[in-house]
Amino acid sequence: MRMRIVPFAAVLALSLCPVLARGGNPDKNPVLRIGAVAYSPSSVTVWRGMRYYFSQKGMPIEFVLYSTYDDLVRALDDRQVDLAWNSPLAHGKFHALAGDSQAVVMRDVDRDYRSKLIVRRDANINRLEDLAGKTMVFGSCDSAEATVLPTYYLRKEGVAFDRVRILSLHAEVDARGVPCHSEQHVLEALRKGRGNAGILSERLWKRLQTDQPEVAQSFKEIWTSPPFSHCVFTARKDFDRERAKRFADLMLAMDGKDPVSAEILRLEHCAKWVPGSQEGYQDLVKALKTAAPLPAGQ
């Protein structure tokens, strides 16, 4: 049996390939590990695009997709990832768990987010006091905009949920651990007459009024929440702020003029990225610390 002798120079070249591909000394340009939830098949497309975009900018990243936001929160806390593309509730949970955090960057649509209380026109509900004895539909319990913040705000305005019949769709809509689309299920439940009132995002309500006015006419809004922030890239409080700033600056530089960033922005349903801020999460952190659970649903 003949042994093949590989020249030392070839071995050295092969060993250097990963370093060269990353653009030099890996210690000076470490790979940034980013975690996200695989909320839809498009997640892979988004993150492969992000990986390519950042490699072209000299900031190598790798992405890790998780099944649920609770898994992502644990991964960030355990330092498995450097940044997490979080839902608002996941950001609030991590902030409370760690005692602090960095809100690095978010989409333009994640600022000044609001929820609407929508009621069926045939339900005889004209003000919050009229909710007593009526059925209110809730989606995922893990949704800040659909459940946690609306109940926090409505309690502050005097709504007594022990006098309201609760229909929770949590088991129906959140079986896969992804609460992002539960408002669609709330709307469908209201259309089918399973409840009298429910929470939708302001964005969905406006889209319904524009795209399906015949459906929107069956409902009316009686309450709008204060503004809050939605999804955000979260970092630990001790994460290198220079690296966080570099990441944010490259995100802010996406303008949709090249096909890669254009596809990322399209799939993330936004026109641009904007700087993150903790200001829009203050009420959410308070709600997580103080809010009582809703009465058991039907």
C-alpha atoms as a PDB file:
ATOM      1  CA  MET A   1       0.000   0.000   0.000  1.00  0.00           C
ATOM      2  CA  ARG A   2       1.534   3.301  -1.088  1.00  0.00           C
ATOM      3  CA  MET A   3       1.153   6.348   1.082  1.00  0.00           C
ATOM      4  CA  ARG A   4       0.439   9.627  -0.627  1.00  0.00           C
ATOM      5  CA  ILE A   5       2.768  12.376   0.562  1.00  0.00           C
ATOM      6  CA  VAL A   6       1.209  15.821   0.668  1.00  0.00           C
ATOM      7  CA  PRO A   7       3.736  18.652   0.525  1.00  0.00           C
ATOM      8  CA  PHE A   8       3.915  20.747   3.689  1.00  0.00           C
ATOM      9  CA  ALA A   9       3.161  23.911   1.711  1.00  0.00           C
ATOM     10  CA  ALA A  10      -0.135  22.423   0.519  1.00  0.00           C
ATOM     11  CA  VAL A  11      -1.118  21.436   4.056  1.00  0.00           C
ATOM     12  CA  LEU A  12      -0.289  24.932   5.256  1.00  0.00           C
ATOM     13  CA  ALA A  13      -2.345  26.478   2.470  1.00  0.00           C
ATOM     14  CA  LEU A  14      -5.334  24.295   3.306  1.00  0.00           C
ATOM     15  CA  SER A  15      -5.113  25.166   6.968  1.00  0.00           C
ATOM     16  CA  LEU A  16      -5.080  28.859   6.132  1.00  0.00           C
ATOM     17  CA  CYS A  17      -8.104  28.731   3.817  1.00  0.00           C
ATOM     18  CA  PRO A  18     -10.726  29.443   6.507  1.00  0.00           C
ATOM     19  CA  VAL A  19      -8.672  32.349   7.816  1.00  0.00           C
ATOM     20  CA  LEU A  20      -8.155  33.814   4.362  1.00  0.00           C
ATOM     21  CA  ALA A  21     -11.840  33.401   3.559  1.00  0.00           C
ATOM     22  CA  ARG A  22     -12.707  35.436   6.637  1.00  0.00           C
ATOM     23  CA  GLY A  23     -10.381  38.182   5.560  1.00  0.00           C
ATOM     24  CA  GLY A  24      -7.354  37.861   7.813  1.00  0.00           C
ATOM     25  CA  ASN A  25      -6.647  37.210  11.454  1.00  0.00           C
ATOM     26  CA  PRO A  26      -9.792  35.699  12.983  1.00  0.00           C
ATOM     27  CA  ASP A  27      -8.968  37.225  16.365  1.00  0.00           C
ATOM     28  CA  LYS A  28      -9.096  40.711  14.839  1.00  0.00           C
ATOM     29  CA  ASN A  29     -12.288  40.037  12.891  1.00  0.00           C
ATOM     30  CA  PRO A  30     -14.298  37.481  14.883  1.00  0.00           C
ATOM     31  CA  VAL A  31     -17.475  35.999  13.492  1.00  0.00           C
ATOM     32  CA  LEU A  32     -20.609  37.569  14.921  1.00  0.00           C
ATOM     33  CA  ARG A  33     -23.146  34.916  15.921  1.00  0.00           C
ATOM     34  CA  ILE A  34     -26.775  35.971  15.513  1.00  0.00           C
ATOM     35  CA  GLY A  35     -29.814  34.041  16.692  1.00  0.00           C
ATOM     36  CA  ALA A  36     -33.322  34.243  15.263  1.00  0.00           C
ATOM     37  CA  VAL A  37     -36.536  32.214  15.263  1.00  0.00           C
ATOM     38  CA  ALA A  38     -37.515  30.209  12.194  1.00  0.00           C
ATOM     39  CA  TYR A  39     -40.983  31.754  12.079  1.00  0.00           C
ATOM     40  CA  SER A  40     -41.489  31.006   8.363  1.00  0.00           C
ATOM     41  CA  PRO A  41     -39.671  29.436   5.384  1.00  0.00           C
ATOM     42  CA  SER A  42     -38.517  32.923   4.395  1.00  0.00           C
ATOM     43  CA  SER A  43     -36.327  33.042   7.521  1.00  0.00           C
ATOM     44  CA  VAL A  44     -33.658  31.008   5.755  1.00  0.00           C
ATOM     45  CA  THR A  45     -33.758  33.315   2.724  1.00  0.00           C
ATOM     46  CA  VAL A  46     -33.438  36.390   4.940  1.00  0.00           C
ATOM     47  CA  TRP A  47     -30.513  35.052   6.912  1.00  0.00           C
ATOM     48  CA  ARG A  48     -28.600  33.681   3.961  1.00  0.00           C
ATOM     49  CA  GLY A  49     -28.953  37.139   2.449  1.00  0.00           C
ATOM     50  CA  MET A  50     -27.798  38.768   5.685  1.00  0.00           C
ATOM     51  CA  ARG A  51     -24.782  36.453   5.841  1.00  0.00           C
ATOM     52  CA  TYR A  52     -23.789  37.405   2.294  1.00  0.00           C
ATOM     53  CA  TYR A  53     -24.441  41.122   2.842  1.00  0.00           C
ATOM     54  CA  PHE A  54     -22.251  41.280   5.947  1.00  0.00           C
ATOM     55  CA  SER A  55     -19.477  39.200   4.390  1.00  0.00           C
ATOM     56  CA  GLN A  56     -19.281  41.775   1.597  1.00  0.00           C
ATOM     57  CA  LYS A  57     -18.930  44.510   4.210  1.00  0.00           C
ATOM     58  CA  GLY A  58     -16.056  42.797   6.014  1.00  0.00           C
ATOM     59  CA  MET A  59     -18.059  41.761   9.082  1.00  0.00           C
ATOM     60  CA  PRO A  60     -18.563  37.986   8.957  1.00  0.00           C
ATOM     61  CA  ILE A  61     -21.683  36.624  10.645  1.00  0.00           C
ATOM     62  CA  GLU A  62     -23.190  33.211  11.208  1.00  0.00           C
ATOM     63  CA  PHE A  63     -26.824  32.652  12.047  1.00  0.00           C
ATOM     64  CA  VAL A  64     -28.522  30.102  14.270  1.00  0.00           C
ATOM     65  CA  LEU A  65     -32.269  29.488  13.931  1.00  0.00           C
ATOM     66  CA  TYR A  66     -34.287  28.442  16.980  1.00  0.00           C
ATOM     67  CA  SER A  67     -37.739  26.921  17.346  1.00  0.00           C
ATOM     68  CA  THR A  68     -39.161  29.410  19.869  1.00  0.00           C
ATOM     69  CA  TYR A  69     -38.408  32.819  21.316  1.00  0.00           C
ATOM     70  CA  ASP A  70     -37.931  31.290  24.762  1.00  0.00           C
ATOM     71  CA  ASP A  71     -35.164  29.143  23.258  1.00  0.00           C
ATOM     72  CA  LEU A  72     -33.645  32.286  21.745  1.00  0.00           C
ATOM     73  CA  VAL A  73     -33.744  34.139  25.081  1.00  0.00           C
ATOM     74  CA  ARG A  74     -31.916  31.246  26.753  1.00  0.00           C
ATOM     75  CA  ALA A  75     -29.356  31.115  23.940  1.00  0.00           C
ATOM     76  CA  LEU A  76     -28.542  34.802  24.344  1.00  0.00           C
ATOM     77  CA  ASP A  77     -28.322  34.460  28.115  1.00  0.00           C
ATOM     78  CA  ASP A  78     -26.054  31.396  27.768  1.00  0.00           C
ATOM     79  CA  ARG A  79     -23.819  33.297  25.293  1.00  0.00           C
ATOM     80  CA  GLN A  80     -24.506  30.856  22.477  1.00  0.00           C
ATOM     81  CA  VAL A  81     -25.189  33.912  20.306  1.00  0.00           C
ATOM     82  CA  ASP A  82     -24.024  37.540  20.423  1.00  0.00           C
ATOM     83  CA  LEU A  83     -27.214  39.136  19.111  1.00  0.00           C
ATOM     84  CA  ALA A  84     -30.827  37.971  18.984  1.00  0.00           C
ATOM     85  CA  TRP A  85     -33.497  39.103  16.498  1.00  0.00           C
ATOM     86  CA  ASN A  86     -36.216  39.251  19.130  1.00  0.00           C
ATOM     87  CA  SER A  87     -39.943  39.702  19.314  1.00  0.00           C
ATOM     88  CA  PRO A  88     -40.890  42.513  21.735  1.00  0.00           C
ATOM     89  CA  LEU A  89     -41.849  40.019  24.436  1.00  0.00           C
ATOM     90  CA  ALA A  90     -38.563  38.125  24.019  1.00  0.00           C
ATOM     91  CA  HIS A  91     -36.639  41.387  24.346  1.00  0.00           C
ATOM     92  CA  GLY A  92     -38.605  42.275  27.474  1.00  0.00           C
ATOM     93  CA  LYS A  93     -38.075  38.836  28.983  1.00  0.00           C
ATOM     94  CA  PHE A  94     -34.335  38.930  28.350  1.00  0.00           C
ATOM     95  CA  HIS A  95     -34.047  42.489  29.681  1.00  0.00           C
ATOM     96  CA  ALA A  96     -35.825  41.434  32.891  1.00  0.00           C
ATOM     97  CA  LEU A  97     -33.792  38.223  33.177  1.00  0.00           C
ATOM     98  CA  ALA A  98     -30.415  39.895  32.654  1.00  0.00           C
ATOM     99  CA  GLY A  99     -31.222  43.090  34.525  1.00  0.00           C
ATOM    100  CA  ASP A 100     -30.350  45.172  31.467  1.00  0.00           C
ATOM    101  CA  SER A 101     -29.675  44.818  27.734  1.00  0.00           C
ATOM    102  CA  GLN A 102     -28.835  46.702  24.578  1.00  0.00           C
ATOM    103  CA  ALA A 103     -31.532  47.481  22.010  1.00  0.00           C
ATOM    104  CA  VAL A 104     -29.283  47.648  18.963  1.00  0.00           C
ATOM    105  CA  VAL A 105     -31.332  48.162  15.811  1.00  0.00           C
ATOM    106  CA  MET A 106     -34.894  47.613  14.566  1.00  0.00           C
ATOM    107  CA  ARG A 107     -37.094  48.090  11.508  1.00  0.00           C
ATOM    108  CA  ASP A 108     -38.800  51.399  10.791  1.00  0.00           C
ATOM    109  CA  VAL A 109     -42.170  49.680  11.348  1.00  0.00           C
ATOM    110  CA  ASP A 110     -41.143  48.615  14.869  1.00  0.00           C
ATOM    111  CA  ARG A 111     -41.335  52.159  16.244  1.00  0.00           C
ATOM    112  CA  ASP A 112     -44.575  53.676  17.563  1.00  0.00           C
ATOM    113  CA  TYR A 113     -46.405  50.368  17.322  1.00  0.00           C
ATOM    114  CA  ARG A 114     -50.003  50.392  18.574  1.00  0.00           C
ATOM    115  CA  SER A 115     -52.737  47.877  19.270  1.00  0.00           C
ATOM    116  CA  LYS A 116     -56.445  48.414  18.591  1.00  0.00           C
ATOM    117  CA  LEU A 117     -59.452  47.006  20.389  1.00  0.00           C
ATOM    118  CA  ILE A 118     -61.858  46.003  17.623  1.00  0.00           C
ATOM    119  CA  VAL A 119     -65.473  45.022  18.298  1.00  0.00           C
ATOM    120  CA  ARG A 120     -68.225  43.575  16.156  1.00  0.00           C
ATOM    121  CA  ARG A 121     -70.827  46.213  15.238  1.00  0.00           C
ATOM    122  CA  ASP A 122     -73.606  43.877  16.347  1.00  0.00           C
ATOM    123  CA  ALA A 123     -72.095  43.388  19.824  1.00  0.00           C
ATOM    124  CA  ASN A 124     -73.504  46.608  21.349  1.00  0.00           C
ATOM    125  CA  ILE A 125     -70.070  47.679  22.623  1.00  0.00           C
ATOM    126  CA  ASN A 126     -69.358  51.406  22.439  1.00  0.00           C
ATOM    127  CA  ARG A 127     -66.933  51.937  25.320  1.00  0.00           C
ATOM    128  CA  LEU A 128     -64.664  49.889  27.540  1.00  0.00           C
ATOM    129  CA  GLU A 129     -67.332  49.519  30.251  1.00  0.00           C
ATOM    130  CA  ASP A 130     -69.498  47.633  27.748  1.00  0.00           C
ATOM    131  CA  LEU A 131     -67.002  44.736  27.639  1.00  0.00           C
ATOM    132  CA  ALA A 132     -68.518  43.317  30.842  1.00  0.00           C
ATOM    133  CA  GLY A 133     -70.347  40.102  30.034  1.00  0.00           C
ATOM    134  CA  LYS A 134     -68.985  40.024  26.483  1.00  0.00           C
ATOM    135  CA  THR A 135     -66.486  37.563  24.969  1.00  0.00           C
ATOM    136  CA  MET A 136     -63.048  38.926  24.195  1.00  0.00           C
ATOM    137  CA  VAL A 137     -60.752  36.926  21.920  1.00  0.00           C
ATOM    138  CA  PHE A 138     -57.021  36.703  22.593  1.00  0.00           C
ATOM    139  CA  GLY A 139     -54.351  35.094  20.451  1.00  0.00           C
ATOM    140  CA  SER A 140     -50.974  33.938  21.682  1.00  0.00           C
ATOM    141  CA  CYS A 141     -50.141  34.463  25.353  1.00  0.00           C
ATOM    142  CA  ASP A 142     -46.572  35.081  24.162  1.00  0.00           C
ATOM    143  CA  SER A 143     -47.517  38.125  22.094  1.00  0.00           C
ATOM    144  CA  ALA A 144     -46.686  41.524  23.579  1.00  0.00           C
ATOM    145  CA  GLU A 145     -48.906  43.427  21.150  1.00  0.00           C
ATOM    146  CA  ALA A 146     -51.871  41.034  21.207  1.00  0.00           C
ATOM    147  CA  THR A 147     -52.059  40.082  24.878  1.00  0.00           C
ATOM    148  CA  VAL A 148     -49.455  41.279  27.389  1.00  0.00           C
ATOM    149  CA  LEU A 149     -49.453  45.032  26.732  1.00  0.00           C
ATOM    150  CA  PRO A 150     -53.160  45.457  25.862  1.00  0.00           C
ATOM    151  CA  THR A 151     -54.244  43.751  29.066  1.00  0.00           C
ATOM    152  CA  TYR A 152     -51.728  45.834  31.037  1.00  0.00           C
ATOM    153  CA  TYR A 153     -53.011  49.082  29.524  1.00  0.00           C
ATOM    154  CA  LEU A 154     -56.694  48.117  29.695  1.00  0.00           C
ATOM    155  CA  ARG A 155     -56.424  47.182  33.375  1.00  0.00           C
ATOM    156  CA  LYS A 156     -54.947  50.632  34.029  1.00  0.00           C
ATOM    157  CA  GLU A 157     -58.025  52.106  32.316  1.00  0.00           C
ATOM    158  CA  GLY A 158     -60.352  50.169  34.582  1.00  0.00           C
ATOM    159  CA  VAL A 159     -61.282  47.066  32.594  1.00  0.00           C
ATOM    160  CA  ALA A 160     -62.098  44.253  35.036  1.00  0.00           C
ATOM    161  CA  PHE A 161     -61.212  41.086  33.147  1.00  0.00           C
ATOM    162  CA  ASP A 162     -62.924  38.909  35.751  1.00  0.00           C
ATOM    163  CA  ARG A 163     -66.172  40.348  34.364  1.00  0.00           C
ATOM    164  CA  VAL A 164     -65.231  39.588  30.741  1.00  0.00           C
ATOM    165  CA  ARG A 165     -65.520  36.167  29.128  1.00  0.00           C
ATOM    166  CA  ILE A 166     -62.110  35.212  27.732  1.00  0.00           C
ATOM    167  CA  LEU A 167     -61.632  33.099  24.613  1.00  0.00           C
ATOM    168  CA  SER A 168     -57.947  32.235  24.340  1.00  0.00           C
ATOM    169  CA  LEU A 169     -56.701  30.922  21.001  1.00  0.00           C
ATOM    170  CA  HIS A 170     -53.229  30.254  22.406  1.00  0.00           C
ATOM    171  CA  ALA A 171     -53.397  26.480  22.045  1.00  0.00           C
ATOM    172  CA  GLU A 172     -54.703  26.829  18.489  1.00  0.00           C
ATOM    173  CA  VAL A 173     -52.337  29.451  17.098  1.00  0.00           C
ATOM    174  CA  ASP A 174     -49.120  29.034  19.076  1.00  0.00           C
ATOM    175  CA  ALA A 175     -48.541  25.289  18.772  1.00  0.00           C
ATOM    176  CA  ARG A 176     -45.332  25.980  16.847  1.00  0.00           C
ATOM    177  CA  GLY A 177     -44.045  28.487  19.379  1.00  0.00           C
ATOM    178  CA  VAL A 178     -44.261  31.453  17.019  1.00  0.00           C
ATOM    179  CA  PRO A 179     -46.752  34.133  18.146  1.00  0.00           C
ATOM    180  CA  CYS A 180     -46.181  36.542  15.252  1.00  0.00           C
ATOM    181  CA  HIS A 181     -49.378  35.891  13.308  1.00  0.00           C
ATOM    182  CA  SER A 182     -51.940  35.257  16.042  1.00  0.00           C
ATOM    183  CA  GLU A 183     -53.824  38.491  15.297  1.00  0.00           C
ATOM    184  CA  GLN A 184     -54.909  36.956  11.990  1.00  0.00           C
ATOM    185  CA  HIS A 185     -56.539  34.156  13.967  1.00  0.00           C
ATOM    186  CA  VAL A 186     -58.201  36.666  16.293  1.00  0.00           C
ATOM    187  CA  LEU A 187     -59.700  38.442  13.294  1.00  0.00           C
ATOM    188  CA  GLU A 188     -60.920  35.155  11.834  1.00  0.00           C
ATOM    189  CA  ALA A 189     -62.521  34.186  15.164  1.00  0.00           C
ATOM    190  CA  LEU A 190     -64.339  37.530  15.294  1.00  0.00           C
ATOM    191  CA  ARG A 191     -65.558  37.128  11.716  1.00  0.00           C
ATOM    192  CA  LYS A 192     -66.946  33.702  12.594  1.00  0.00           C
ATOM    193  CA  GLY A 193     -68.772  35.091  15.623  1.00  0.00           C
ATOM    194  CA  ARG A 194     -66.721  33.222  18.219  1.00  0.00           C
ATOM    195  CA  GLY A 195     -66.301  36.454  20.184  1.00  0.00           C
ATOM    196  CA  ASN A 196     -67.428  40.073  20.384  1.00  0.00           C
ATOM    197  CA  ALA A 197     -64.112  41.905  20.737  1.00  0.00           C
ATOM    198  CA  GLY A 198     -60.420  41.331  20.105  1.00  0.00           C
ATOM    199  CA  ILE A 199     -57.022  42.956  19.777  1.00  0.00           C
ATOM    200  CA  LEU A 200     -55.467  43.674  16.371  1.00  0.00           C
ATOM    201  CA  SER A 201     -52.373  45.661  15.512  1.00  0.00           C
ATOM    202  CA  GLU A 202     -52.969  49.141  14.124  1.00  0.00           C
ATOM    203  CA  ARG A 203     -51.160  48.034  10.977  1.00  0.00           C
ATOM    204  CA  LEU A 204     -53.498  45.076  10.357  1.00  0.00           C
ATOM    205  CA  TRP A 205     -56.570  47.197  11.086  1.00  0.00           C
ATOM    206  CA  LYS A 206     -55.498  49.869   8.575  1.00  0.00           C
ATOM    207  CA  ARG A 207     -54.672  47.228   5.974  1.00  0.00           C
ATOM    208  CA  LEU A 208     -58.081  45.628   6.479  1.00  0.00           C
ATOM    209  CA  GLN A 209     -59.801  48.984   6.003  1.00  0.00           C
ATOM    210  CA  THR A 210     -57.868  49.619   2.789  1.00  0.00           C
ATOM    211  CA  ASP A 211     -57.804  46.149   1.217  1.00  0.00           C
ATOM    212  CA  GLN A 212     -61.075  44.649   2.508  1.00  0.00           C
ATOM    213  CA  PRO A 213     -63.417  47.534   3.388  1.00  0.00           C
ATOM    214  CA  GLU A 214     -66.422  45.226   3.187  1.00  0.00           C
ATOM    215  CA  VAL A 215     -64.918  43.141   6.017  1.00  0.00           C
ATOM    216  CA  ALA A 216     -63.800  46.165   8.051  1.00  0.00           C
ATOM    217  CA  GLN A 217     -67.345  47.580   7.961  1.00  0.00           C
ATOM    218  CA  SER A 218     -68.451  44.719  10.201  1.00  0.00           C
ATOM    219  CA  PHE A 219     -66.241  46.088  12.994  1.00  0.00           C
ATOM    220  CA  LYS A 220     -65.355  49.297  14.757  1.00  0.00           C
ATOM    221  CA  GLU A 221     -62.472  50.360  16.970  1.00  0.00           C
ATOM    222  CA  ILE A 222     -63.162  51.606  20.491  1.00  0.00           C
ATOM    223  CA  TRP A 223     -59.646  51.855  21.954  1.00  0.00           C
ATOM    224  CA  THR A 224     -56.051  52.444  20.874  1.00  0.00           C
ATOM    225  CA  SER A 225     -53.046  51.585  23.014  1.00  0.00           C
ATOM    226  CA  PRO A 226     -50.191  53.970  23.805  1.00  0.00           C
ATOM    227  CA  PRO A 227     -47.227  53.566  21.417  1.00  0.00           C
ATOM    228  CA  PHE A 228     -44.558  50.950  22.104  1.00  0.00           C
ATOM    229  CA  SER A 229     -41.732  49.256  20.222  1.00  0.00           C
ATOM    230  CA  HIS A 230     -41.939  45.919  18.435  1.00  0.00           C
ATOM    231  CA  CYS A 231     -39.120  43.636  17.203  1.00  0.00           C
ATOM    232  CA  VAL A 232     -35.467  44.487  17.906  1.00  0.00           C
ATOM    233  CA  PHE A 233     -31.949  43.092  17.775  1.00  0.00           C
ATOM    234  CA  THR A 234     -31.004  42.498  21.402  1.00  0.00           C
ATOM    235  CA  ALA A 235     -27.487  42.257  22.840  1.00  0.00           C
ATOM    236  CA  ARG A 236     -26.310  41.526  26.356  1.00  0.00           C
ATOM    237  CA  LYS A 237     -25.455  44.576  28.444  1.00  0.00           C
ATOM    238  CA  ASP A 238     -21.748  43.611  28.417  1.00  0.00           C
ATOM    239  CA  PHE A 239     -21.534  42.955  24.672  1.00  0.00           C
ATOM    240  CA  ASP A 240     -18.839  45.020  22.936  1.00  0.00           C
ATOM    241  CA  ARG A 241     -20.582  48.295  22.108  1.00  0.00           C
ATOM    242  CA  GLU A 242     -18.212  49.051  19.231  1.00  0.00           C
ATOM    243  CA  ARG A 243     -19.152  45.755  17.538  1.00  0.00           C
ATOM    244  CA  ALA A 244     -22.825  46.444  18.241  1.00  0.00           C
ATOM    245  CA  LYS A 245     -22.473  49.897  16.671  1.00  0.00           C
ATOM    246  CA  ARG A 246     -20.690  48.503  13.626  1.00  0.00           C
ATOM    247  CA  PHE A 247     -23.457  45.948  13.149  1.00  0.00           C
ATOM    248  CA  ALA A 248     -26.116  48.653  13.520  1.00  0.00           C
ATOM    249  CA  ASP A 249     -24.345  50.995  11.111  1.00  0.00           C
ATOM    250  CA  LEU A 250     -24.239  48.296   8.430  1.00  0.00           C
ATOM    251  CA  MET A 251     -27.925  47.554   8.975  1.00  0.00           C
ATOM    252  CA  LEU A 252     -28.766  51.257   8.712  1.00  0.00           C
ATOM    253  CA  ALA A 253     -26.801  51.383   5.447  1.00  0.00           C
ATOM    254  CA  MET A 254     -29.227  48.993   3.720  1.00  0.00           C
ATOM    255  CA  ASP A 255     -31.099  51.101   1.190  1.00  0.00           C
ATOM    256  CA  GLY A 256     -32.606  48.513  -1.126  1.00  0.00           C
ATOM    257  CA  LYS A 257     -30.589  49.633  -4.121  1.00  0.00           C
ATOM    258  CA  ASP A 258     -28.792  46.305  -4.401  1.00  0.00           C
ATOM    259  CA  PRO A 259     -30.802  43.076  -4.870  1.00  0.00           C
ATOM    260  CA  VAL A 260     -29.582  41.445  -1.635  1.00  0.00           C
ATOM    261  CA  SER A 261     -30.584  44.218   0.765  1.00  0.00           C
ATOM    262  CA  ALA A 262     -33.765  44.841  -1.255  1.00  0.00           C
ATOM    263  CA  GLU A 263     -34.877  41.250  -0.700  1.00  0.00           C
ATOM    264  CA  ILE A 264     -34.053  41.400   3.011  1.00  0.00           C
ATOM    265  CA  LEU A 265     -36.085  44.584   3.453  1.00  0.00           C
ATOM    266  CA  ARG A 266     -38.988  43.177   1.438  1.00  0.00           C
ATOM    267  CA  LEU A 267     -39.140  39.950   3.430  1.00  0.00           C
ATOM    268  CA  GLU A 268     -38.891  41.892   6.701  1.00  0.00           C
ATOM    269  CA  HIS A 269     -41.772  44.146   5.523  1.00  0.00           C
ATOM    270  CA  CYS A 270     -39.920  47.404   6.049  1.00  0.00           C
ATOM    271  CA  ALA A 271     -38.343  50.246   4.082  1.00  0.00           C
ATOM    272  CA  LYS A 272     -35.264  50.656   6.262  1.00  0.00           C
ATOM    273  CA  TRP A 273     -33.597  49.864   9.588  1.00  0.00           C
ATOM    274  CA  VAL A 274     -33.455  52.443  12.395  1.00  0.00           C
ATOM    275  CA  PRO A 275     -31.468  52.740  15.657  1.00  0.00           C
ATOM    276  CA  GLY A 276     -32.813  50.733  18.581  1.00  0.00           C
ATOM    277  CA  SER A 277     -33.850  52.273  21.889  1.00  0.00           C
ATOM    278  CA  GLN A 278     -35.022  50.951  25.251  1.00  0.00           C
ATOM    279  CA  GLU A 279     -37.591  53.736  25.478  1.00  0.00           C
ATOM    280  CA  GLY A 280     -40.306  51.795  23.680  1.00  0.00           C
ATOM    281  CA  TYR A 281     -40.007  48.788  26.002  1.00  0.00           C
ATOM    282  CA  GLN A 282     -40.420  50.453  29.397  1.00  0.00           C
ATOM    283  CA  ASP A 283     -44.129  49.619  29.724  1.00  0.00           C
ATOM    284  CA  LEU A 284     -43.512  46.057  28.571  1.00  0.00           C
ATOM    285  CA  VAL A 285     -40.873  45.481  31.249  1.00  0.00           C
ATOM    286  CA  LYS A 286     -43.301  46.888  33.849  1.00  0.00           C
ATOM    287  CA  ALA A 287     -46.077  44.662  32.529  1.00  0.00           C
ATOM    288  CA  LEU A 288     -43.918  41.552  32.812  1.00  0.00           C
ATOM    289  CA  LYS A 289     -43.117  42.424  36.426  1.00  0.00           C
ATOM    290  CA  THR A 290     -46.578  43.434  37.591  1.00  0.00           C
ATOM    291  CA  ALA A 291     -49.327  42.173  35.300  1.00  0.00           C
ATOM    292  CA  ALA A 292     -51.649  39.483  36.613  1.00  0.00           C
ATOM    293  CA  PRO A 293     -52.592  36.609  34.291  1.00  0.00           C
ATOM    294  CA  LEU A 294     -55.908  36.709  32.513  1.00  0.00           C
ATOM    295  CA  PRO A 295     -58.755  34.619  33.935  1.00  0.00           C
ATOM    296  CA  ALA A 296     -58.917  31.101  32.503  1.00  0.00           C
ATOM    297  CA  GLY A 297     -60.295  31.182  28.974  1.00  0.00           C
ATOM    298  CA  GLN A 298     -63.114  29.145  27.497  1.00  0.00           C
END
